[in-house]
Amino acid sequence: MEHSPITEKERFELELELLESFANPMYIHYLAQSGLLDDPAFQRYLHYLQYWQRKPYVYYVEFPHALAFLKLLQVESFRQAMKRQEFALMVYQQQGLQWQYYTE
């Protein structure tokens, strides 16, 4: 069975879905545990995804924490720390507190 090339719309949707999954610290922990965050090719892909922080792409992002975590994923020490469950849980709890108490 032949696979047809991915369309621009499909690529946009897939990249947005991946980006928004970064709003979940436990998913980032899973990626760190699996070793994917250590892969230089994946690190380059994370760097590439930073275009989502600019207009007009940023308007499509529903979970702003995803953009904050994308920025943090550029930092080696954060990627390494996310391998530890206690650190990932602390980040998850801090995120919950921020949602609970932050008002703008």
N, C-alpha and C. Protein backbone atom coordinates (compact mmCIF):
# COMPACT_ATOMS: atom_id res chain seq x y z
N MET A 1 0.84 -1.17 0.00
CA MET A 1 0.00 0.00 0.00
C MET A 1 0.89 1.24 0.00
N GLU A 2 0.64 2.14 -0.92
CA GLU A 2 1.41 3.37 -1.02
C GLU A 2 0.85 4.42 -0.09
N HIS A 3 1.75 5.21 0.48
CA HIS A 3 1.36 6.32 1.34
C HIS A 3 1.45 7.60 0.54
N SER A 4 0.40 8.39 0.60
CA SER A 4 0.45 9.67 -0.09
C SER A 4 1.21 10.66 0.79
N PRO A 5 1.86 11.63 0.17
CA PRO A 5 2.60 12.61 0.97
C PRO A 5 1.66 13.41 1.87
N ILE A 6 2.19 13.84 2.98
CA ILE A 6 1.39 14.58 3.95
C ILE A 6 1.10 15.98 3.39
N THR A 7 -0.10 16.43 3.58
CA THR A 7 -0.47 17.77 3.10
C THR A 7 -0.02 18.81 4.11
N GLU A 8 0.02 20.06 3.68
CA GLU A 8 0.38 21.15 4.60
C GLU A 8 -0.59 21.24 5.75
N LYS A 9 -1.88 21.03 5.47
CA LYS A 9 -2.90 21.08 6.53
C LYS A 9 -2.66 19.97 7.55
N GLU A 10 -2.36 18.76 7.08
CA GLU A 10 -2.09 17.65 7.99
C GLU A 10 -0.84 17.91 8.83
N ARG A 11 0.19 18.45 8.20
CA ARG A 11 1.42 18.75 8.95
C ARG A 11 1.14 19.80 10.03
N PHE A 12 0.39 20.84 9.67
CA PHE A 12 0.00 21.88 10.62
C PHE A 12 -0.72 21.26 11.81
N GLU A 13 -1.70 20.40 11.55
CA GLU A 13 -2.48 19.78 12.61
C GLU A 13 -1.63 18.86 13.48
N LEU A 14 -0.75 18.08 12.86
CA LEU A 14 0.11 17.17 13.62
C LEU A 14 1.09 17.93 14.51
N GLU A 15 1.68 18.98 13.96
CA GLU A 15 2.63 19.76 14.75
C GLU A 15 1.94 20.49 15.89
N LEU A 16 0.75 21.01 15.64
CA LEU A 16 -0.01 21.68 16.70
C LEU A 16 -0.39 20.68 17.79
N GLU A 17 -0.81 19.50 17.39
CA GLU A 17 -1.18 18.48 18.38
C GLU A 17 0.02 18.09 19.24
N LEU A 18 1.18 17.90 18.61
CA LEU A 18 2.38 17.58 19.39
C LEU A 18 2.74 18.73 20.31
N LEU A 19 2.74 19.94 19.79
CA LEU A 19 3.07 21.10 20.61
C LEU A 19 2.16 21.17 21.83
N GLU A 20 0.87 21.01 21.63
CA GLU A 20 -0.07 21.13 22.74
C GLU A 20 0.07 19.99 23.74
N SER A 21 0.61 18.87 23.30
CA SER A 21 0.85 17.78 24.25
C SER A 21 1.94 18.15 25.25
N PHE A 22 2.78 19.13 24.89
CA PHE A 22 3.83 19.58 25.81
C PHE A 22 3.26 20.35 26.99
N ALA A 23 1.99 20.69 26.97
CA ALA A 23 1.36 21.35 28.12
C ALA A 23 1.20 20.38 29.28
N ASN A 24 1.40 19.09 29.04
CA ASN A 24 1.27 18.06 30.06
C ASN A 24 2.66 17.64 30.55
N PRO A 25 3.06 18.08 31.73
CA PRO A 25 4.39 17.71 32.23
C PRO A 25 4.62 16.21 32.33
N MET A 26 3.58 15.45 32.56
CA MET A 26 3.76 14.00 32.66
C MET A 26 4.05 13.39 31.29
N TYR A 27 3.56 14.01 30.23
CA TYR A 27 3.91 13.55 28.88
C TYR A 27 5.38 13.86 28.60
N ILE A 28 5.82 15.04 29.02
CA ILE A 28 7.23 15.39 28.85
C ILE A 28 8.10 14.41 29.64
N HIS A 29 7.65 14.05 30.84
CA HIS A 29 8.37 13.05 31.64
C HIS A 29 8.46 11.72 30.88
N TYR A 30 7.37 11.31 30.28
CA TYR A 30 7.36 10.09 29.48
C TYR A 30 8.39 10.18 28.34
N LEU A 31 8.41 11.32 27.63
CA LEU A 31 9.37 11.50 26.54
C LEU A 31 10.80 11.45 27.06
N ALA A 32 11.02 12.05 28.23
CA ALA A 32 12.36 12.04 28.82
C ALA A 32 12.76 10.62 29.22
N GLN A 33 11.84 9.90 29.83
CA GLN A 33 12.11 8.53 30.25
C GLN A 33 12.40 7.62 29.05
N SER A 34 11.72 7.87 27.94
CA SER A 34 11.90 7.03 26.76
C SER A 34 13.21 7.31 26.04
N GLY A 35 13.88 8.42 26.40
CA GLY A 35 15.14 8.77 25.76
C GLY A 35 14.97 9.67 24.55
N LEU A 36 13.75 9.95 24.16
CA LEU A 36 13.51 10.76 22.97
C LEU A 36 14.08 12.17 23.13
N LEU A 37 14.02 12.72 24.34
CA LEU A 37 14.53 14.08 24.55
C LEU A 37 16.05 14.15 24.45
N ASP A 38 16.72 12.98 24.48
CA ASP A 38 18.18 12.93 24.32
C ASP A 38 18.59 12.82 22.86
N ASP A 39 17.64 12.54 22.00
CA ASP A 39 17.92 12.34 20.57
C ASP A 39 18.20 13.69 19.90
N PRO A 40 19.40 13.88 19.33
CA PRO A 40 19.72 15.16 18.69
C PRO A 40 18.74 15.54 17.58
N ALA A 41 18.22 14.57 16.85
CA ALA A 41 17.25 14.87 15.80
C ALA A 41 15.96 15.43 16.40
N PHE A 42 15.53 14.86 17.52
CA PHE A 42 14.32 15.36 18.18
C PHE A 42 14.59 16.74 18.78
N GLN A 43 15.78 16.97 19.29
CA GLN A 43 16.13 18.29 19.82
C GLN A 43 16.09 19.34 18.72
N ARG A 44 16.55 18.98 17.52
CA ARG A 44 16.46 19.91 16.38
C ARG A 44 15.00 20.16 16.02
N TYR A 45 14.17 19.13 16.11
CA TYR A 45 12.75 19.28 15.82
C TYR A 45 12.09 20.21 16.84
N LEU A 46 12.46 20.08 18.11
CA LEU A 46 11.94 20.98 19.14
C LEU A 46 12.34 22.42 18.83
N HIS A 47 13.55 22.61 18.37
CA HIS A 47 14.00 23.95 18.00
C HIS A 47 13.17 24.48 16.83
N TYR A 48 12.94 23.62 15.86
CA TYR A 48 12.12 24.00 14.70
C TYR A 48 10.71 24.43 15.12
N LEU A 49 10.13 23.73 16.10
CA LEU A 49 8.76 24.02 16.53
C LEU A 49 8.60 25.39 17.19
N GLN A 50 9.68 26.07 17.46
CA GLN A 50 9.57 27.38 18.09
C GLN A 50 8.84 28.40 17.23
N TYR A 51 8.65 28.11 15.95
CA TYR A 51 7.90 29.04 15.11
C TYR A 51 6.47 29.24 15.62
N TRP A 52 5.98 28.30 16.44
CA TRP A 52 4.64 28.42 17.00
C TRP A 52 4.52 29.60 17.97
N GLN A 53 5.62 30.14 18.40
CA GLN A 53 5.59 31.27 19.34
C GLN A 53 5.39 32.61 18.61
N ARG A 54 5.38 32.58 17.30
CA ARG A 54 5.23 33.81 16.51
C ARG A 54 3.84 33.87 15.85
N LYS A 55 3.46 35.09 15.52
CA LYS A 55 2.21 35.29 14.77
C LYS A 55 2.40 34.74 13.37
N PRO A 56 1.40 34.21 12.76
CA PRO A 56 0.02 34.01 13.19
C PRO A 56 -0.18 32.69 13.92
N TYR A 57 0.88 31.86 14.01
CA TYR A 57 0.74 30.51 14.56
C TYR A 57 0.32 30.51 16.03
N VAL A 58 0.82 31.45 16.79
CA VAL A 58 0.54 31.50 18.22
C VAL A 58 -0.97 31.59 18.50
N TYR A 59 -1.72 32.15 17.57
CA TYR A 59 -3.16 32.30 17.76
C TYR A 59 -3.91 30.96 17.74
N TYR A 60 -3.28 29.94 17.23
CA TYR A 60 -3.91 28.61 17.17
C TYR A 60 -3.67 27.78 18.43
N VAL A 61 -2.75 28.21 19.26
CA VAL A 61 -2.36 27.44 20.44
C VAL A 61 -3.38 27.67 21.56
N GLU A 62 -4.03 26.60 21.99
CA GLU A 62 -5.05 26.71 23.04
C GLU A 62 -4.47 26.62 24.44
N PHE A 63 -3.32 25.98 24.59
CA PHE A 63 -2.72 25.78 25.89
C PHE A 63 -1.39 26.53 25.96
N PRO A 64 -1.39 27.75 26.49
CA PRO A 64 -0.16 28.55 26.51
C PRO A 64 0.99 27.89 27.28
N HIS A 65 0.67 27.01 28.22
CA HIS A 65 1.75 26.32 28.93
C HIS A 65 2.59 25.50 27.96
N ALA A 66 2.00 25.07 26.86
CA ALA A 66 2.75 24.30 25.87
C ALA A 66 3.91 25.13 25.33
N LEU A 67 3.68 26.42 25.13
CA LEU A 67 4.74 27.28 24.63
C LEU A 67 5.83 27.49 25.68
N ALA A 68 5.42 27.63 26.93
CA ALA A 68 6.40 27.78 28.01
C ALA A 68 7.26 26.53 28.12
N PHE A 69 6.62 25.36 28.04
CA PHE A 69 7.38 24.11 28.13
C PHE A 69 8.25 23.90 26.89
N LEU A 70 7.77 24.33 25.73
CA LEU A 70 8.60 24.23 24.53
C LEU A 70 9.89 25.02 24.72
N LYS A 71 9.79 26.19 25.33
CA LYS A 71 10.97 27.00 25.62
C LYS A 71 11.90 26.26 26.60
N LEU A 72 11.31 25.69 27.64
CA LEU A 72 12.11 24.95 28.62
C LEU A 72 12.77 23.71 28.01
N LEU A 73 12.11 23.10 27.04
CA LEU A 73 12.67 21.91 26.40
C LEU A 73 13.92 22.22 25.58
N GLN A 74 14.20 23.49 25.36
CA GLN A 74 15.43 23.87 24.67
C GLN A 74 16.64 23.80 25.62
N VAL A 75 16.35 23.67 26.93
CA VAL A 75 17.39 23.70 27.96
C VAL A 75 17.73 22.27 28.39
N GLU A 76 19.00 21.91 28.24
CA GLU A 76 19.45 20.55 28.56
C GLU A 76 19.14 20.15 30.00
N SER A 77 19.38 21.05 30.95
CA SER A 77 19.18 20.70 32.36
C SER A 77 17.70 20.41 32.63
N PHE A 78 16.79 21.09 31.97
CA PHE A 78 15.35 20.81 32.14
C PHE A 78 15.02 19.44 31.55
N ARG A 79 15.54 19.17 30.36
CA ARG A 79 15.27 17.86 29.73
C ARG A 79 15.76 16.73 30.63
N GLN A 80 16.93 16.89 31.22
CA GLN A 80 17.48 15.86 32.10
C GLN A 80 16.66 15.73 33.39
N ALA A 81 16.27 16.88 33.96
CA ALA A 81 15.50 16.86 35.20
C ALA A 81 14.15 16.19 35.01
N MET A 82 13.57 16.33 33.83
CA MET A 82 12.26 15.74 33.58
C MET A 82 12.29 14.22 33.53
N LYS A 83 13.48 13.63 33.55
CA LYS A 83 13.59 12.17 33.64
C LYS A 83 13.22 11.69 35.04
N ARG A 84 13.40 12.56 36.03
CA ARG A 84 13.12 12.18 37.42
C ARG A 84 11.64 12.40 37.73
N GLN A 85 11.00 11.36 38.21
CA GLN A 85 9.57 11.43 38.48
C GLN A 85 9.24 12.50 39.51
N GLU A 86 10.06 12.64 40.54
CA GLU A 86 9.75 13.63 41.57
C GLU A 86 9.80 15.05 41.00
N PHE A 87 10.71 15.30 40.07
CA PHE A 87 10.77 16.62 39.45
C PHE A 87 9.55 16.84 38.55
N ALA A 88 9.21 15.84 37.76
CA ALA A 88 8.04 15.95 36.87
C ALA A 88 6.77 16.18 37.69
N LEU A 89 6.63 15.48 38.82
CA LEU A 89 5.46 15.68 39.68
C LEU A 89 5.44 17.09 40.29
N MET A 90 6.60 17.61 40.66
CA MET A 90 6.66 18.96 41.20
C MET A 90 6.23 19.98 40.13
N VAL A 91 6.71 19.79 38.90
CA VAL A 91 6.32 20.68 37.80
C VAL A 91 4.81 20.59 37.57
N TYR A 92 4.29 19.38 37.59
CA TYR A 92 2.85 19.16 37.41
C TYR A 92 2.05 19.87 38.51
N GLN A 93 2.51 19.74 39.75
CA GLN A 93 1.81 20.39 40.87
C GLN A 93 1.90 21.91 40.78
N GLN A 94 3.05 22.42 40.39
CA GLN A 94 3.21 23.86 40.24
C GLN A 94 2.31 24.40 39.12
N GLN A 95 2.19 23.62 38.08
CA GLN A 95 1.29 24.01 36.99
C GLN A 95 -0.15 24.09 37.50
N GLY A 96 -0.57 23.11 38.28
CA GLY A 96 -1.92 23.12 38.84
C GLY A 96 -2.15 24.31 39.75
N LEU A 97 -1.16 24.64 40.56
CA LEU A 97 -1.28 25.81 41.43
C LEU A 97 -1.37 27.09 40.62
N GLN A 98 -0.61 27.16 39.55
CA GLN A 98 -0.66 28.35 38.71
C GLN A 98 -2.06 28.51 38.09
N TRP A 99 -2.64 27.42 37.64
CA TRP A 99 -4.00 27.47 37.09
C TRP A 99 -5.00 27.88 38.16
N GLN A 100 -4.79 27.35 39.36
CA GLN A 100 -5.75 27.60 40.44
C GLN A 100 -5.71 29.03 40.94
N TYR A 101 -4.53 29.62 41.02
CA TYR A 101 -4.42 30.91 41.70
C TYR A 101 -4.09 32.09 40.80
N TYR A 102 -3.66 31.85 39.58
CA TYR A 102 -3.29 32.96 38.71
C TYR A 102 -4.54 33.58 38.12
N THR A 103 -4.66 34.88 38.28
CA THR A 103 -5.75 35.60 37.61
C THR A 103 -5.16 36.78 36.87
N GLU A 104 -5.71 37.06 35.75
CA GLU A 104 -5.21 38.17 34.95
C GLU A 104 -6.29 39.17 34.72
